[in-house]
Structure formats: structure tokens, C-alpha cells
């Protein structure tokens, strides 16, 4: 279930990340969705969707971090 637009992203992403962070999330999710289609390419018992979400959050955390108030800010 790759995302065509950022408006399709989960609420937790859209409601918390700035637009650029959402774009990073979408791109990373879609890439991971394709890359981990084969269950043999995944670690553990995580589903394709779970792995793609983990990869997407990891990509966001490379460029963003939460500030003291819990808002996502660029590093």
C-alpha cells in the first residue's frame, strides 16, 4: 500500500511532522515497500507494512528530532 500523496499518510505522520518530514516519510516508506516485498528480505516476523513504517521513521530521524516540547524540528 504505497502512498501516492502525503495526504494519504497516517494521521500520526501528518499531524506531527512538517511537510518536508512527511515527504521524507512517504519516499522512504514507498522505497521500503518495494525493497522488502519478499519476506526473506525482512528480519523477524514483521509484515511488509511494519518494516516499511520502521524504515520511514528511521529516515525521518536522520534529518529531524523532537525538541523540548515534543515537536519535530530539523537537526
N, C-alpha and C. Protein backbone atom coordinates (compact mmCIF):
# COMPACT_ATOMS: atom_id res chain seq x y z
N UNK A 1 0.81 -1.20 0.00
CA UNK A 1 0.00 0.00 0.00
C UNK A 1 0.86 1.26 0.00
N UNK A 2 1.63 1.46 -1.02
CA UNK A 2 2.43 2.68 -1.11
C UNK A 2 1.53 3.92 -1.12
N UNK A 3 2.10 5.03 -0.73
CA UNK A 3 1.36 6.28 -0.66
C UNK A 3 1.64 7.12 -1.91
N UNK A 4 0.56 7.57 -2.55
CA UNK A 4 0.70 8.42 -3.73
C UNK A 4 0.92 9.88 -3.35
N UNK A 5 0.30 10.30 -2.27
CA UNK A 5 0.40 11.70 -1.83
C UNK A 5 0.60 11.73 -0.32
N UNK A 6 1.08 12.87 0.19
CA UNK A 6 1.27 12.97 1.63
C UNK A 6 -0.06 13.03 2.37
N UNK A 7 -1.12 13.40 1.68
CA UNK A 7 -2.44 13.44 2.33
C UNK A 7 -2.93 12.03 2.68
N UNK A 8 -2.34 11.01 2.10
CA UNK A 8 -2.71 9.63 2.39
C UNK A 8 -1.94 9.04 3.57
N UNK A 9 -0.92 9.75 4.05
CA UNK A 9 -0.10 9.24 5.15
C UNK A 9 -0.95 9.08 6.41
N UNK A 10 -0.51 8.22 7.33
CA UNK A 10 -1.23 8.06 8.60
C UNK A 10 -1.34 9.38 9.36
N UNK A 11 -2.39 9.52 10.14
CA UNK A 11 -2.59 10.74 10.92
C UNK A 11 -1.40 11.07 11.80
N UNK A 12 -0.78 10.07 12.40
CA UNK A 12 0.36 10.30 13.29
C UNK A 12 1.51 10.98 12.57
N UNK A 13 1.62 10.73 11.29
CA UNK A 13 2.68 11.37 10.48
C UNK A 13 2.23 12.77 10.08
N UNK A 14 1.05 12.87 9.51
CA UNK A 14 0.56 14.17 9.03
C UNK A 14 0.38 15.18 10.15
N UNK A 15 -0.05 14.73 11.31
CA UNK A 15 -0.34 15.64 12.42
C UNK A 15 0.90 16.08 13.19
N UNK A 16 2.03 15.42 12.97
CA UNK A 16 3.21 15.72 13.76
C UNK A 16 4.42 16.21 12.99
N UNK A 17 4.59 15.74 11.78
CA UNK A 17 5.78 16.12 11.02
C UNK A 17 5.51 17.33 10.13
N UNK A 18 6.53 18.19 9.97
CA UNK A 18 6.39 19.26 8.99
C UNK A 18 6.33 18.65 7.58
N UNK A 19 5.92 19.45 6.61
CA UNK A 19 5.71 18.94 5.26
C UNK A 19 6.94 18.23 4.71
N UNK A 20 8.12 18.81 4.89
CA UNK A 20 9.33 18.17 4.38
C UNK A 20 9.54 16.81 5.03
N UNK A 21 9.29 16.70 6.32
CA UNK A 21 9.39 15.43 7.01
C UNK A 21 8.40 14.41 6.47
N UNK A 22 7.21 14.87 6.12
CA UNK A 22 6.20 13.99 5.54
C UNK A 22 6.65 13.47 4.18
N UNK A 23 7.30 14.34 3.41
CA UNK A 23 7.80 13.92 2.09
C UNK A 23 8.90 12.87 2.23
N UNK A 24 9.78 13.07 3.22
CA UNK A 24 10.82 12.07 3.50
C UNK A 24 10.17 10.75 3.88
N UNK A 25 9.18 10.80 4.76
CA UNK A 25 8.49 9.60 5.22
C UNK A 25 7.87 8.85 4.04
N UNK A 26 7.16 9.57 3.20
CA UNK A 26 6.47 8.94 2.06
C UNK A 26 7.47 8.27 1.12
N UNK A 27 8.53 8.98 0.80
CA UNK A 27 9.53 8.44 -0.12
C UNK A 27 10.20 7.19 0.46
N UNK A 28 10.58 7.25 1.74
CA UNK A 28 11.24 6.12 2.38
C UNK A 28 10.28 4.93 2.53
N UNK A 29 9.03 5.21 2.89
CA UNK A 29 8.04 4.13 3.02
C UNK A 29 7.87 3.42 1.68
N UNK A 30 7.67 4.19 0.63
CA UNK A 30 7.43 3.59 -0.69
C UNK A 30 8.63 2.78 -1.16
N UNK A 31 9.82 3.29 -0.90
CA UNK A 31 11.04 2.57 -1.29
C UNK A 31 11.15 1.26 -0.51
N UNK A 32 10.92 1.31 0.79
CA UNK A 32 10.99 0.10 1.61
C UNK A 32 9.89 -0.89 1.25
N UNK A 33 8.74 -0.38 0.89
CA UNK A 33 7.63 -1.25 0.47
C UNK A 33 8.07 -2.12 -0.71
N UNK A 34 8.77 -1.49 -1.65
CA UNK A 34 9.26 -2.24 -2.81
C UNK A 34 10.42 -3.16 -2.44
N UNK A 35 11.34 -2.65 -1.64
CA UNK A 35 12.55 -3.39 -1.31
C UNK A 35 12.28 -4.63 -0.47
N UNK A 36 11.30 -4.56 0.43
CA UNK A 36 11.04 -5.67 1.34
C UNK A 36 9.77 -6.46 0.98
N UNK A 37 9.49 -6.55 -0.30
CA UNK A 37 8.32 -7.31 -0.75
C UNK A 37 8.47 -8.80 -0.41
N UNK A 38 9.68 -9.30 -0.50
CA UNK A 38 9.96 -10.71 -0.22
C UNK A 38 10.18 -10.89 1.29
N UNK A 39 9.37 -11.73 1.94
CA UNK A 39 9.53 -11.95 3.39
C UNK A 39 10.93 -12.39 3.79
N UNK A 40 11.66 -13.04 2.90
CA UNK A 40 13.02 -13.48 3.20
C UNK A 40 13.99 -12.31 3.37
N UNK A 41 13.60 -11.14 2.87
CA UNK A 41 14.44 -9.95 2.97
C UNK A 41 14.22 -9.20 4.29
N UNK A 42 13.22 -9.62 5.07
CA UNK A 42 12.89 -8.95 6.33
C UNK A 42 13.46 -9.72 7.51
N UNK A 43 13.75 -8.98 8.57
CA UNK A 43 14.18 -9.63 9.81
C UNK A 43 12.95 -9.95 10.66
N UNK A 44 12.99 -11.06 11.34
CA UNK A 44 11.90 -11.40 12.24
C UNK A 44 10.60 -11.67 11.51
N UNK A 45 9.51 -11.45 12.23
CA UNK A 45 8.19 -11.76 11.69
C UNK A 45 7.41 -10.51 11.28
N UNK A 46 8.09 -9.38 11.17
CA UNK A 46 7.40 -8.14 10.81
C UNK A 46 6.79 -8.24 9.42
N UNK A 47 5.62 -7.65 9.28
CA UNK A 47 4.97 -7.61 7.97
C UNK A 47 5.67 -6.60 7.07
N UNK A 48 5.37 -6.66 5.83
CA UNK A 48 5.92 -5.71 4.86
C UNK A 48 5.59 -4.28 5.27
N UNK A 49 4.37 -4.06 5.70
CA UNK A 49 3.95 -2.72 6.12
C UNK A 49 4.69 -2.25 7.37
N UNK A 50 4.84 -3.15 8.35
CA UNK A 50 5.56 -2.79 9.57
C UNK A 50 7.00 -2.38 9.27
N UNK A 51 7.65 -3.15 8.42
CA UNK A 51 9.03 -2.85 8.05
C UNK A 51 9.10 -1.50 7.33
N UNK A 52 8.19 -1.26 6.42
CA UNK A 52 8.20 0.00 5.67
C UNK A 52 8.00 1.20 6.60
N UNK A 53 7.12 1.07 7.58
CA UNK A 53 6.93 2.16 8.55
C UNK A 53 8.19 2.38 9.38
N UNK A 54 8.84 1.32 9.81
CA UNK A 54 10.07 1.45 10.59
C UNK A 54 11.16 2.15 9.78
N UNK A 55 11.29 1.76 8.53
CA UNK A 55 12.29 2.38 7.66
C UNK A 55 11.96 3.86 7.46
N UNK A 56 10.69 4.17 7.26
CA UNK A 56 10.28 5.55 7.04
C UNK A 56 10.58 6.42 8.26
N UNK A 57 10.26 5.94 9.46
CA UNK A 57 10.56 6.72 10.66
C UNK A 57 12.06 6.89 10.84
N UNK A 58 12.82 5.88 10.52
CA UNK A 58 14.27 5.97 10.62
C UNK A 58 14.81 7.04 9.68
N UNK A 59 14.27 7.10 8.48
CA UNK A 59 14.69 8.12 7.51
C UNK A 59 14.37 9.52 8.02
N UNK A 60 13.21 9.68 8.61
CA UNK A 60 12.83 10.98 9.17
C UNK A 60 13.80 11.38 10.27
N UNK A 61 14.14 10.41 11.14
CA UNK A 61 15.01 10.70 12.29
C UNK A 61 16.44 11.04 11.87
N UNK A 62 16.80 10.76 10.63
CA UNK A 62 18.12 11.18 10.13
C UNK A 62 18.19 12.69 9.95
N UNK A 63 17.05 13.32 9.70
CA UNK A 63 17.03 14.75 9.44
C UNK A 63 16.25 15.56 10.47
N UNK A 64 15.44 14.91 11.27
CA UNK A 64 14.60 15.60 12.24
C UNK A 64 14.77 15.00 13.63
N UNK A 65 14.50 15.82 14.63
CA UNK A 65 14.48 15.36 16.01
C UNK A 65 13.40 16.13 16.75
N UNK A 66 12.97 15.57 17.86
CA UNK A 66 11.95 16.26 18.65
C UNK A 66 12.63 17.29 19.55
N UNK A 67 12.00 18.47 19.65
CA UNK A 67 12.52 19.49 20.54
C UNK A 67 12.00 19.25 21.95
N UNK A 68 12.30 20.15 22.86
CA UNK A 68 11.90 20.00 24.27
C UNK A 68 10.39 19.93 24.44
N UNK A 69 9.65 20.51 23.50
CA UNK A 69 8.19 20.49 23.56
C UNK A 69 7.57 19.31 22.80
N UNK A 70 8.42 18.43 22.26
CA UNK A 70 7.92 17.26 21.55
C UNK A 70 7.56 17.51 20.10
N UNK A 71 7.95 18.66 19.55
CA UNK A 71 7.69 18.95 18.13
C UNK A 71 8.90 18.55 17.30
N UNK A 72 8.63 18.05 16.11
CA UNK A 72 9.70 17.65 15.21
C UNK A 72 10.33 18.88 14.57
N UNK A 73 11.67 18.97 14.69
CA UNK A 73 12.43 20.09 14.13
C UNK A 73 13.61 19.52 13.33
N UNK A 74 14.04 20.25 12.31
CA UNK A 74 15.23 19.83 11.56
C UNK A 74 16.44 19.88 12.46
N UNK A 75 17.33 18.93 12.26
CA UNK A 75 18.56 18.90 13.06
C UNK A 75 19.48 20.04 12.64
